Amino acid sequence: MSTPVTEQVQAAPVRTQTVALLGAGRMGAAIARMLADSGTRVRVWNRTPARAEALRSELISPALSAADAIAGADAVISILADGAAVRSALDGVVAALPRGAVLIEASTIDPLTMAEVSHPARNQVVSCAVSGTPAVVLAGNAAVLVSGSRDVKRRAEPFLRAFAARVVDVGPRVEDAKLVKIGTMELLAESAVLLEASGVPRDVFREALAGSVLNSAFTGYKLDALARRDYGATFGTRDLRKDIGLAISQGDAAGVDLPFAELLADLLDEAVDYGWGDLDFLSLVPRLQIESGVNSDLPAEEATP
């Protein structure tokens, strides 16, 4: 009796996907590493080539230009400093996107710039806003807000989930993700200074807030730094000032007064004047301490505008 022969069919190899990353700042670098950890090939372009070169690894390679980075890519992620940088980097890139590729614009920019740069290929572009610091991204705990057409969001989602634990859909208009992101740091700073001046230690405030319904992902990842009086930048004072300025501009365009945002812009300007523009936006705490006449977390000589 003959033994039946079982034919072995070899599965086709799974193709490694490639992402072009435009921007290798702190957040861009964290996203690149998370993508590589997921098995994705990453081609990185940055206006300062040394930053892209510093990320070189088995799956991460620097590109000489944005055009070189996007060639043949399955997705493009841009995460740049401001609207001017986005316009410059994406000039010609959007119209030259590879067929079937999706562009994920993750910079914090104004909605008008987002709408304008995406116009040549709106059926390939989504907008997103990352909620979290580079450390939060690397820990796998970041969230992203995403907006754009349903089909493009579906195609973008696997790339987003490579570096974010949560993807929140905020609507079909590609610019809407830029409208949703705004900070609440001044309220946290005022609470910390008030309670400490009243005799409540800062670590007690941290534990109380962390265990209350007022806690959020945002306050959660800032509370430890606040308790340690750690002002090393995860998101700089100058960067937050830029974001608040975008919110005020959008309010002007929509005919909506934003009195708290305007006040916060002034407070951030003061912190920048004290020389803290490159420190974390927790610098709002020593700014308020100085104004209130209590001991500042930062040395007095550093607090002279």
C-alpha atoms as a PDB file:
ATOM      1  CA  MET A   1       0.000   0.000   0.000  1.00  0.00           C
ATOM      2  CA  SER A   2       1.529   3.280  -1.067  1.00  0.00           C
ATOM      3  CA  THR A   3       1.975   6.113   1.369  1.00  0.00           C
ATOM      4  CA  PRO A   4       0.124   9.275   0.343  1.00  0.00           C
ATOM      5  CA  VAL A   5       2.368  12.196  -0.476  1.00  0.00           C
ATOM      6  CA  THR A   6       1.464  15.470   1.210  1.00  0.00           C
ATOM      7  CA  GLU A   7       2.370  18.426  -0.932  1.00  0.00           C
ATOM      8  CA  GLN A   8       3.888  21.245   1.057  1.00  0.00           C
ATOM      9  CA  VAL A   9       2.877  24.674  -0.105  1.00  0.00           C
ATOM     10  CA  GLN A  10       5.273  27.404   0.947  1.00  0.00           C
ATOM     11  CA  ALA A  11       3.553  30.591   2.019  1.00  0.00           C
ATOM     12  CA  ALA A  12       4.578  33.733   0.219  1.00  0.00           C
ATOM     13  CA  PRO A  13       6.886  35.870   2.361  1.00  0.00           C
ATOM     14  CA  VAL A  14       5.260  38.843   4.033  1.00  0.00           C
ATOM     15  CA  ARG A  15       6.615  42.040   2.516  1.00  0.00           C
ATOM     16  CA  THR A  16       8.197  44.424   4.987  1.00  0.00           C
ATOM     17  CA  GLN A  17       6.456  47.769   4.752  1.00  0.00           C
ATOM     18  CA  THR A  18       8.366  51.017   4.443  1.00  0.00           C
ATOM     19  CA  VAL A  19       7.539  54.328   6.091  1.00  0.00           C
ATOM     20  CA  ALA A  20       9.148  57.623   5.123  1.00  0.00           C
ATOM     21  CA  LEU A  21       9.541  59.811   8.207  1.00  0.00           C
ATOM     22  CA  LEU A  22      10.016  63.527   7.588  1.00  0.00           C
ATOM     23  CA  GLY A  23      11.366  65.066  10.786  1.00  0.00           C
ATOM     24  CA  ALA A  24      13.781  63.570  13.321  1.00  0.00           C
ATOM     25  CA  GLY A  25      13.255  65.758  16.368  1.00  0.00           C
ATOM     26  CA  ARG A  26      12.548  64.214  19.770  1.00  0.00           C
ATOM     27  CA  MET A  27       9.061  63.052  18.825  1.00  0.00           C
ATOM     28  CA  GLY A  28      10.043  61.980  15.321  1.00  0.00           C
ATOM     29  CA  ALA A  29      12.945  59.946  16.709  1.00  0.00           C
ATOM     30  CA  ALA A  30      10.624  58.173  19.159  1.00  0.00           C
ATOM     31  CA  ILE A  31       8.151  57.359  16.377  1.00  0.00           C
ATOM     32  CA  ALA A  32      10.970  56.034  14.164  1.00  0.00           C
ATOM     33  CA  ARG A  33      12.146  53.675  16.896  1.00  0.00           C
ATOM     34  CA  MET A  34       8.637  52.405  17.591  1.00  0.00           C
ATOM     35  CA  LEU A  35       8.035  51.765  13.882  1.00  0.00           C
ATOM     36  CA  ALA A  36      11.317  49.865  13.621  1.00  0.00           C
ATOM     37  CA  ASP A  37      10.446  47.831  16.725  1.00  0.00           C
ATOM     38  CA  SER A  38       7.239  46.791  14.941  1.00  0.00           C
ATOM     39  CA  GLY A  39       9.307  45.447  12.029  1.00  0.00           C
ATOM     40  CA  THR A  40       8.698  48.385   9.693  1.00  0.00           C
ATOM     41  CA  ARG A  41      11.500  49.781   7.553  1.00  0.00           C
ATOM     42  CA  VAL A  42      11.928  53.516   8.131  1.00  0.00           C
ATOM     43  CA  ARG A  43      13.625  56.025   5.844  1.00  0.00           C
ATOM     44  CA  VAL A  44      14.253  59.244   7.758  1.00  0.00           C
ATOM     45  CA  TRP A  45      14.819  62.703   6.334  1.00  0.00           C
ATOM     46  CA  ASN A  46      15.601  65.748   8.456  1.00  0.00           C
ATOM     47  CA  ARG A  47      16.693  69.269   7.584  1.00  0.00           C
ATOM     48  CA  THR A  48      19.685  68.653   9.859  1.00  0.00           C
ATOM     49  CA  PRO A  49      21.089  65.409   8.387  1.00  0.00           C
ATOM     50  CA  ALA A  50      22.999  64.475  11.554  1.00  0.00           C
ATOM     51  CA  ARG A  51      19.719  63.903  13.397  1.00  0.00           C
ATOM     52  CA  ALA A  52      18.583  61.384  10.798  1.00  0.00           C
ATOM     53  CA  GLU A  53      22.015  59.738  10.787  1.00  0.00           C
ATOM     54  CA  ALA A  54      21.890  59.327  14.570  1.00  0.00           C
ATOM     55  CA  LEU A  55      18.871  57.031  14.163  1.00  0.00           C
ATOM     56  CA  ARG A  56      20.565  54.644  11.733  1.00  0.00           C
ATOM     57  CA  SER A  57      19.957  50.995  12.595  1.00  0.00           C
ATOM     58  CA  GLU A  58      19.095  47.724  10.904  1.00  0.00           C
ATOM     59  CA  LEU A  59      15.631  48.987   9.945  1.00  0.00           C
ATOM     60  CA  ILE A  60      16.194  52.773  10.029  1.00  0.00           C
ATOM     61  CA  SER A  61      18.152  54.498   7.289  1.00  0.00           C
ATOM     62  CA  PRO A  62      18.697  58.232   6.640  1.00  0.00           C
ATOM     63  CA  ALA A  63      17.610  59.770   3.330  1.00  0.00           C
ATOM     64  CA  LEU A  64      19.330  62.661   1.577  1.00  0.00           C
ATOM     65  CA  SER A  65      16.075  64.395   0.658  1.00  0.00           C
ATOM     66  CA  ALA A  66      12.362  64.186   1.314  1.00  0.00           C
ATOM     67  CA  ALA A  67      11.883  62.969  -2.257  1.00  0.00           C
ATOM     68  CA  ASP A  68      14.380  60.139  -1.678  1.00  0.00           C
ATOM     69  CA  ALA A  69      12.623  59.208   1.560  1.00  0.00           C
ATOM     70  CA  ILE A  70       9.155  58.848   0.041  1.00  0.00           C
ATOM     71  CA  ALA A  71      10.189  56.908  -3.078  1.00  0.00           C
ATOM     72  CA  GLY A  72       8.292  53.603  -2.990  1.00  0.00           C
ATOM     73  CA  ALA A  73       7.091  54.152   0.589  1.00  0.00           C
ATOM     74  CA  ASP A  74       3.836  52.633   1.832  1.00  0.00           C
ATOM     75  CA  ALA A  75       3.254  55.575   4.177  1.00  0.00           C
ATOM     76  CA  VAL A  76       4.761  58.970   4.877  1.00  0.00           C
ATOM     77  CA  ILE A  77       4.717  60.541   8.346  1.00  0.00           C
ATOM     78  CA  SER A  78       5.651  64.210   8.671  1.00  0.00           C
ATOM     79  CA  ILE A  79       6.283  65.629  12.140  1.00  0.00           C
ATOM     80  CA  LEU A  80       7.977  69.001  11.872  1.00  0.00           C
ATOM     81  CA  ALA A  81       8.469  72.148  13.922  1.00  0.00           C
ATOM     82  CA  ASP A  82       5.811  74.466  12.527  1.00  0.00           C
ATOM     83  CA  GLY A  83       3.679  75.407   9.548  1.00  0.00           C
ATOM     84  CA  ALA A  84       6.568  76.978   7.626  1.00  0.00           C
ATOM     85  CA  ALA A  85       8.639  73.791   7.998  1.00  0.00           C
ATOM     86  CA  VAL A  86       5.678  71.666   6.864  1.00  0.00           C
ATOM     87  CA  ARG A  87       5.065  73.835   3.806  1.00  0.00           C
ATOM     88  CA  SER A  88       8.747  73.680   2.876  1.00  0.00           C
ATOM     89  CA  ALA A  89       9.154  69.943   3.424  1.00  0.00           C
ATOM     90  CA  LEU A  90       5.915  68.928   1.712  1.00  0.00           C
ATOM     91  CA  ASP A  91       6.302  71.286  -1.254  1.00  0.00           C
ATOM     92  CA  GLY A  92       6.116  68.866  -4.169  1.00  0.00           C
ATOM     93  CA  VAL A  93       6.008  65.819  -1.895  1.00  0.00           C
ATOM     94  CA  VAL A  94       2.228  65.555  -1.570  1.00  0.00           C
ATOM     95  CA  ALA A  95       1.702  65.594  -5.326  1.00  0.00           C
ATOM     96  CA  ALA A  96       4.454  62.963  -5.727  1.00  0.00           C
ATOM     97  CA  LEU A  97       3.148  60.458  -3.172  1.00  0.00           C
ATOM     98  CA  PRO A  98       3.542  56.869  -4.394  1.00  0.00           C
ATOM     99  CA  ARG A  99       0.349  55.292  -5.636  1.00  0.00           C
ATOM    100  CA  GLY A 100      -1.541  53.769  -2.706  1.00  0.00           C
ATOM    101  CA  ALA A 101       0.631  55.452  -0.070  1.00  0.00           C
ATOM    102  CA  VAL A 102      -0.902  57.465   2.757  1.00  0.00           C
ATOM    103  CA  LEU A 103       0.494  60.698   4.195  1.00  0.00           C
ATOM    104  CA  ILE A 104       0.070  61.098   7.961  1.00  0.00           C
ATOM    105  CA  GLU A 105       0.695  64.739   8.875  1.00  0.00           C
ATOM    106  CA  ALA A 106       1.473  64.769  12.615  1.00  0.00           C
ATOM    107  CA  SER A 107       2.944  68.239  13.166  1.00  0.00           C
ATOM    108  CA  THR A 108       1.209  70.754  15.399  1.00  0.00           C
ATOM    109  CA  ILE A 109       0.187  73.340  12.806  1.00  0.00           C
ATOM    110  CA  ASP A 110      -2.767  75.570  12.084  1.00  0.00           C
ATOM    111  CA  PRO A 111      -5.798  74.077  10.308  1.00  0.00           C
ATOM    112  CA  LEU A 112      -5.420  76.386   7.276  1.00  0.00           C
ATOM    113  CA  THR A 113      -1.894  75.133   6.587  1.00  0.00           C
ATOM    114  CA  MET A 114      -3.109  71.554   7.035  1.00  0.00           C
ATOM    115  CA  ALA A 115      -5.918  72.081   4.540  1.00  0.00           C
ATOM    116  CA  GLU A 116      -3.644  73.779   2.019  1.00  0.00           C
ATOM    117  CA  VAL A 117      -0.757  71.297   2.063  1.00  0.00           C
ATOM    118  CA  SER A 118      -3.118  68.318   1.800  1.00  0.00           C
ATOM    119  CA  HIS A 119      -5.169  69.731  -1.088  1.00  0.00           C
ATOM    120  CA  PRO A 120      -3.196  68.155  -3.988  1.00  0.00           C
ATOM    121  CA  ALA A 121      -3.876  64.630  -2.648  1.00  0.00           C
ATOM    122  CA  ARG A 122      -6.705  64.769  -0.108  1.00  0.00           C
ATOM    123  CA  ASN A 123      -7.621  61.149  -0.875  1.00  0.00           C
ATOM    124  CA  GLN A 124      -4.186  60.113   0.471  1.00  0.00           C
ATOM    125  CA  VAL A 125      -3.800  62.396   3.503  1.00  0.00           C
ATOM    126  CA  VAL A 126      -4.847  62.223   7.143  1.00  0.00           C
ATOM    127  CA  SER A 127      -4.054  64.649   9.915  1.00  0.00           C
ATOM    128  CA  CYS A 128      -3.124  63.547  13.394  1.00  0.00           C
ATOM    129  CA  ALA A 129      -2.079  65.074  16.710  1.00  0.00           C
ATOM    130  CA  VAL A 130       0.055  63.032  19.091  1.00  0.00           C
ATOM    131  CA  SER A 131      -0.960  63.167  22.754  1.00  0.00           C
ATOM    132  CA  GLY A 132       2.071  62.361  24.857  1.00  0.00           C
ATOM    133  CA  THR A 133       5.771  63.039  25.138  1.00  0.00           C
ATOM    134  CA  PRO A 134       8.581  61.121  23.388  1.00  0.00           C
ATOM    135  CA  ALA A 135       8.964  59.060  26.576  1.00  0.00           C
ATOM    136  CA  VAL A 136       5.251  58.242  26.516  1.00  0.00           C
ATOM    137  CA  VAL A 137       5.550  57.188  22.867  1.00  0.00           C
ATOM    138  CA  LEU A 138       8.524  54.930  23.632  1.00  0.00           C
ATOM    139  CA  ALA A 139       6.629  53.390  26.545  1.00  0.00           C
ATOM    140  CA  GLY A 140       3.806  52.464  24.164  1.00  0.00           C
ATOM    141  CA  ASN A 141       1.261  54.677  25.922  1.00  0.00           C
ATOM    142  CA  ALA A 142       0.684  57.521  23.446  1.00  0.00           C
ATOM    143  CA  ALA A 143      -2.661  58.390  21.906  1.00  0.00           C
ATOM    144  CA  VAL A 144      -3.297  60.052  18.567  1.00  0.00           C
ATOM    145  CA  LEU A 145      -6.204  62.097  17.318  1.00  0.00           C
ATOM    146  CA  VAL A 146      -6.804  61.484  13.622  1.00  0.00           C
ATOM    147  CA  SER A 147      -9.028  63.124  11.022  1.00  0.00           C
ATOM    148  CA  GLY A 148      -9.629  62.641   7.316  1.00  0.00           C
ATOM    149  CA  SER A 149     -11.668  60.455   5.006  1.00  0.00           C
ATOM    150  CA  ARG A 150     -12.763  57.071   6.360  1.00  0.00           C
ATOM    151  CA  ASP A 151     -10.836  55.079   3.742  1.00  0.00           C
ATOM    152  CA  VAL A 152      -7.556  56.914   4.272  1.00  0.00           C
ATOM    153  CA  LYS A 153      -7.881  56.635   8.061  1.00  0.00           C
ATOM    154  CA  ARG A 154      -8.405  52.885   7.653  1.00  0.00           C
ATOM    155  CA  ARG A 155      -5.212  52.636   5.584  1.00  0.00           C
ATOM    156  CA  ALA A 156      -3.280  54.816   8.031  1.00  0.00           C
ATOM    157  CA  GLU A 157      -4.369  52.991  11.191  1.00  0.00           C
ATOM    158  CA  PRO A 158      -1.807  50.128  11.136  1.00  0.00           C
ATOM    159  CA  PHE A 159       1.024  52.669  10.960  1.00  0.00           C
ATOM    160  CA  LEU A 160      -0.496  54.770  13.735  1.00  0.00           C
ATOM    161  CA  ARG A 161      -0.926  51.726  15.976  1.00  0.00           C
ATOM    162  CA  ALA A 162       2.754  50.929  15.576  1.00  0.00           C
ATOM    163  CA  PHE A 163       3.549  53.909  17.814  1.00  0.00           C
ATOM    164  CA  ALA A 164       0.281  54.714  19.619  1.00  0.00           C
ATOM    165  CA  ALA A 165      -1.799  52.684  22.055  1.00  0.00           C
ATOM    166  CA  ARG A 166      -4.994  54.546  21.214  1.00  0.00           C
ATOM    167  CA  VAL A 167      -6.267  56.035  17.966  1.00  0.00           C
ATOM    168  CA  VAL A 168      -9.160  58.495  18.320  1.00  0.00           C
ATOM    169  CA  ASP A 169     -11.164  59.426  15.231  1.00  0.00           C
ATOM    170  CA  VAL A 170     -12.219  63.091  15.396  1.00  0.00           C
ATOM    171  CA  GLY A 171     -13.997  63.401  12.068  1.00  0.00           C
ATOM    172  CA  PRO A 172     -13.816  63.542   8.272  1.00  0.00           C
ATOM    173  CA  ARG A 173     -12.307  67.006   7.776  1.00  0.00           C
ATOM    174  CA  VAL A 174      -8.582  66.534   7.378  1.00  0.00           C
ATOM    175  CA  GLU A 175      -7.744  69.651   9.407  1.00  0.00           C
ATOM    176  CA  ASP A 176      -9.896  68.834  12.468  1.00  0.00           C
ATOM    177  CA  ALA A 177      -7.246  66.918  14.441  1.00  0.00           C
ATOM    178  CA  LYS A 178      -5.259  70.154  14.600  1.00  0.00           C
ATOM    179  CA  LEU A 179      -8.217  71.927  16.208  1.00  0.00           C
ATOM    180  CA  VAL A 180      -8.651  69.471  19.083  1.00  0.00           C
ATOM    181  CA  LYS A 181      -5.188  69.616  20.661  1.00  0.00           C
ATOM    182  CA  ILE A 182      -4.718  72.268  23.340  1.00  0.00           C
ATOM    183  CA  GLY A 183      -3.111  72.165  26.774  1.00  0.00           C
ATOM    184  CA  THR A 184      -4.361  72.849  30.320  1.00  0.00           C
ATOM    185  CA  MET A 185      -0.998  73.290  32.089  1.00  0.00           C
ATOM    186  CA  GLU A 186      -1.698  76.675  33.706  1.00  0.00           C
ATOM    187  CA  LEU A 187      -4.502  75.232  35.868  1.00  0.00           C
ATOM    188  CA  LEU A 188      -2.186  72.448  37.040  1.00  0.00           C
ATOM    189  CA  ALA A 189       0.588  74.972  37.775  1.00  0.00           C
ATOM    190  CA  GLU A 190      -1.714  77.256  39.760  1.00  0.00           C
ATOM    191  CA  SER A 191      -3.042  74.343  41.817  1.00  0.00           C
ATOM    192  CA  ALA A 192       0.465  73.160  42.678  1.00  0.00           C
ATOM    193  CA  VAL A 193       1.697  76.616  43.738  1.00  0.00           C
ATOM    194  CA  LEU A 194      -1.463  77.422  45.737  1.00  0.00           C
ATOM    195  CA  LEU A 195      -1.411  74.167  47.690  1.00  0.00           C
ATOM    196  CA  GLU A 196       2.322  74.271  48.348  1.00  0.00           C
ATOM    197  CA  ALA A 197       2.080  77.879  49.613  1.00  0.00           C
ATOM    198  CA  SER A 198      -0.728  76.676  51.885  1.00  0.00           C
ATOM    199  CA  GLY A 199       1.439  73.947  53.397  1.00  0.00           C
ATOM    200  CA  VAL A 200       0.473  70.945  51.256  1.00  0.00           C
ATOM    201  CA  PRO A 201       3.646  69.152  50.034  1.00  0.00           C
ATOM    202  CA  ARG A 202       3.866  68.678  46.298  1.00  0.00           C
ATOM    203  CA  ASP A 203       4.120  64.897  46.494  1.00  0.00           C
ATOM    204  CA  VAL A 204       0.859  64.856  48.482  1.00  0.00           C
ATOM    205  CA  PHE A 205      -0.777  66.932  45.749  1.00  0.00           C
ATOM    206  CA  ARG A 206       0.530  64.460  43.167  1.00  0.00           C
ATOM    207  CA  GLU A 207      -0.883  61.443  44.993  1.00  0.00           C
ATOM    208  CA  ALA A 208      -4.223  63.146  45.617  1.00  0.00           C
ATOM    209  CA  LEU A 209      -4.677  64.189  41.996  1.00  0.00           C
ATOM    210  CA  ALA A 210      -3.508  60.828  40.654  1.00  0.00           C
ATOM    211  CA  GLY A 211      -6.204  59.083  42.678  1.00  0.00           C
ATOM    212  CA  SER A 212      -9.034  61.431  41.802  1.00  0.00           C
ATOM    213  CA  VAL A 213     -11.523  61.680  38.940  1.00  0.00           C
ATOM    214  CA  LEU A 214      -9.714  64.864  37.859  1.00  0.00           C
ATOM    215  CA  ASN A 215      -6.697  62.870  36.717  1.00  0.00           C
ATOM    216  CA  SER A 216      -6.153  62.295  33.004  1.00  0.00           C
ATOM    217  CA  ALA A 217      -3.518  60.882  30.680  1.00  0.00           C
ATOM    218  CA  PHE A 218      -2.129  64.410  30.376  1.00  0.00           C
ATOM    219  CA  THR A 219      -1.809  65.131  34.102  1.00  0.00           C
ATOM    220  CA  GLY A 220      -0.710  61.560  34.756  1.00  0.00           C
ATOM    221  CA  TYR A 221       2.516  61.792  32.811  1.00  0.00           C
ATOM    222  CA  LYS A 222       3.310  65.280  34.193  1.00  0.00           C
ATOM    223  CA  LEU A 223       2.719  64.649  37.897  1.00  0.00           C
ATOM    224  CA  ASP A 224       6.009  62.848  38.586  1.00  0.00           C
ATOM    225  CA  ALA A 225       8.063  65.574  36.898  1.00  0.00           C
ATOM    226  CA  LEU A 226       6.104  68.188  38.846  1.00  0.00           C
ATOM    227  CA  ALA A 227       6.824  66.429  42.159  1.00  0.00           C
ATOM    228  CA  ARG A 228      10.546  66.050  41.304  1.00  0.00           C
ATOM    229  CA  ARG A 229      10.781  69.691  40.172  1.00  0.00           C
ATOM    230  CA  ASP A 230      12.167  68.351  36.925  1.00  0.00           C
ATOM    231  CA  TYR A 231      12.089  70.962  34.168  1.00  0.00           C
ATOM    232  CA  GLY A 232      13.927  68.998  31.502  1.00  0.00           C
ATOM    233  CA  ALA A 233      11.916  69.498  28.335  1.00  0.00           C
ATOM    234  CA  THR A 234       9.583  66.842  27.053  1.00  0.00           C
ATOM    235  CA  PHE A 235       7.482  69.606  25.488  1.00  0.00           C
ATOM    236  CA  GLY A 236       9.091  73.013  25.614  1.00  0.00           C
ATOM    237  CA  THR A 237       7.664  76.283  26.896  1.00  0.00           C
ATOM    238  CA  ARG A 238       8.282  77.905  23.518  1.00  0.00           C
ATOM    239  CA  ASP A 239       6.553  74.971  21.776  1.00  0.00           C
ATOM    240  CA  LEU A 240       3.442  75.333  23.929  1.00  0.00           C
ATOM    241  CA  ARG A 241       3.435  79.078  23.241  1.00  0.00           C
ATOM    242  CA  LYS A 242       3.345  78.266  19.531  1.00  0.00           C
ATOM    243  CA  ASP A 243       0.411  75.878  20.007  1.00  0.00           C
ATOM    244  CA  ILE A 244      -1.558  78.415  22.045  1.00  0.00           C
ATOM    245  CA  GLY A 245      -0.918  80.977  19.334  1.00  0.00           C
ATOM    246  CA  LEU A 246      -2.440  78.597  16.796  1.00  0.00           C
ATOM    247  CA  ALA A 247      -5.527  78.216  18.981  1.00  0.00           C
ATOM    248  CA  ILE A 248      -5.899  81.999  19.276  1.00  0.00           C
ATOM    249  CA  SER A 249      -5.538  82.413  15.510  1.00  0.00           C
ATOM    250  CA  GLN A 250      -8.203  79.780  14.941  1.00  0.00           C
ATOM    251  CA  GLY A 251     -10.466  81.543  17.429  1.00  0.00           C
ATOM    252  CA  ASP A 252     -10.029  84.782  15.521  1.00  0.00           C
ATOM    253  CA  ALA A 253     -10.879  83.014  12.263  1.00  0.00           C
ATOM    254  CA  ALA A 254     -13.987  81.431  13.781  1.00  0.00           C
ATOM    255  CA  GLY A 255     -15.121  84.602  15.568  1.00  0.00           C
ATOM    256  CA  VAL A 256     -14.685  83.010  19.011  1.00  0.00           C
ATOM    257  CA  ASP A 257     -13.033  84.819  21.944  1.00  0.00           C
ATOM    258  CA  LEU A 258     -10.547  82.671  23.890  1.00  0.00           C
ATOM    259  CA  PRO A 259      -9.749  84.733  27.007  1.00  0.00           C
ATOM    260  CA  PHE A 260      -8.002  81.891  28.860  1.00  0.00           C
ATOM    261  CA  ALA A 261      -5.818  81.069  25.843  1.00  0.00           C
ATOM    262  CA  GLU A 262      -4.844  84.741  25.510  1.00  0.00           C
ATOM    263  CA  LEU A 263      -3.935  84.894  29.207  1.00  0.00           C
ATOM    264  CA  LEU A 264      -1.942  81.682  28.935  1.00  0.00           C
ATOM    265  CA  ALA A 265      -0.064  83.099  25.929  1.00  0.00           C
ATOM    266  CA  ASP A 266       0.985  86.087  28.065  1.00  0.00           C
ATOM    267  CA  LEU A 267       2.111  83.806  30.913  1.00  0.00           C
ATOM    268  CA  LEU A 268       4.153  81.673  28.531  1.00  0.00           C
ATOM    269  CA  ASP A 269       5.715  84.813  27.046  1.00  0.00           C
ATOM    270  CA  GLU A 270       6.834  85.751  30.568  1.00  0.00           C
ATOM    271  CA  ALA A 271       8.370  82.297  31.093  1.00  0.00           C
ATOM    272  CA  VAL A 272      10.242  82.640  27.796  1.00  0.00           C
ATOM    273  CA  ASP A 273      11.439  86.109  28.874  1.00  0.00           C
ATOM    274  CA  TYR A 274      12.848  84.516  32.039  1.00  0.00           C
ATOM    275  CA  GLY A 275      15.027  82.381  29.787  1.00  0.00           C
ATOM    276  CA  TRP A 276      13.002  79.195  30.119  1.00  0.00           C
ATOM    277  CA  GLY A 277      11.833  78.829  26.525  1.00  0.00           C
ATOM    278  CA  ASP A 278      13.771  75.585  26.060  1.00  0.00           C
ATOM    279  CA  LEU A 279      12.712  74.122  29.407  1.00  0.00           C
ATOM    280  CA  ASP A 280       9.557  72.079  29.834  1.00  0.00           C
ATOM    281  CA  PHE A 281       6.323  74.032  29.892  1.00  0.00           C
ATOM    282  CA  LEU A 282       6.147  73.155  33.590  1.00  0.00           C
ATOM    283  CA  SER A 283       8.167  76.397  33.782  1.00  0.00           C
ATOM    284  CA  LEU A 284       4.753  77.948  34.361  1.00  0.00           C
ATOM    285  CA  VAL A 285       5.207  76.803  37.981  1.00  0.00           C
ATOM    286  CA  PRO A 286       8.353  78.855  38.840  1.00  0.00           C
ATOM    287  CA  ARG A 287       6.938  81.758  36.817  1.00  0.00           C
ATOM    288  CA  LEU A 288       3.946  81.788  39.146  1.00  0.00           C
ATOM    289  CA  GLN A 289       6.159  81.262  42.205  1.00  0.00           C
ATOM    290  CA  ILE A 290       8.160  84.384  41.363  1.00  0.00           C
ATOM    291  CA  GLU A 291       5.006  86.416  40.781  1.00  0.00           C
ATOM    292  CA  SER A 292       3.602  85.181  44.100  1.00  0.00           C
ATOM    293  CA  GLY A 293       6.771  85.999  46.064  1.00  0.00           C
ATOM    294  CA  VAL A 294       7.478  82.430  47.160  1.00  0.00           C
ATOM    295  CA  ASN A 295      10.702  80.484  46.684  1.00  0.00           C
ATOM    296  CA  SER A 296      11.170  79.571  43.041  1.00  0.00           C
ATOM    297  CA  ASP A 297      12.096  76.069  41.969  1.00  0.00           C
ATOM    298  CA  LEU A 298      14.671  77.664  39.646  1.00  0.00           C
ATOM    299  CA  PRO A 299      17.575  79.761  40.999  1.00  0.00           C
ATOM    300  CA  ALA A 300      16.814  83.448  41.338  1.00  0.00           C
ATOM    301  CA  GLU A 301      19.612  84.470  38.983  1.00  0.00           C
ATOM    302  CA  GLU A 302      17.984  82.411  36.222  1.00  0.00           C
ATOM    303  CA  ALA A 303      14.703  84.198  36.832  1.00  0.00           C
ATOM    304  CA  THR A 304      15.795  87.644  35.663  1.00  0.00           C
ATOM    305  CA  PRO A 305      14.213  88.623  32.350  1.00  0.00           C
END
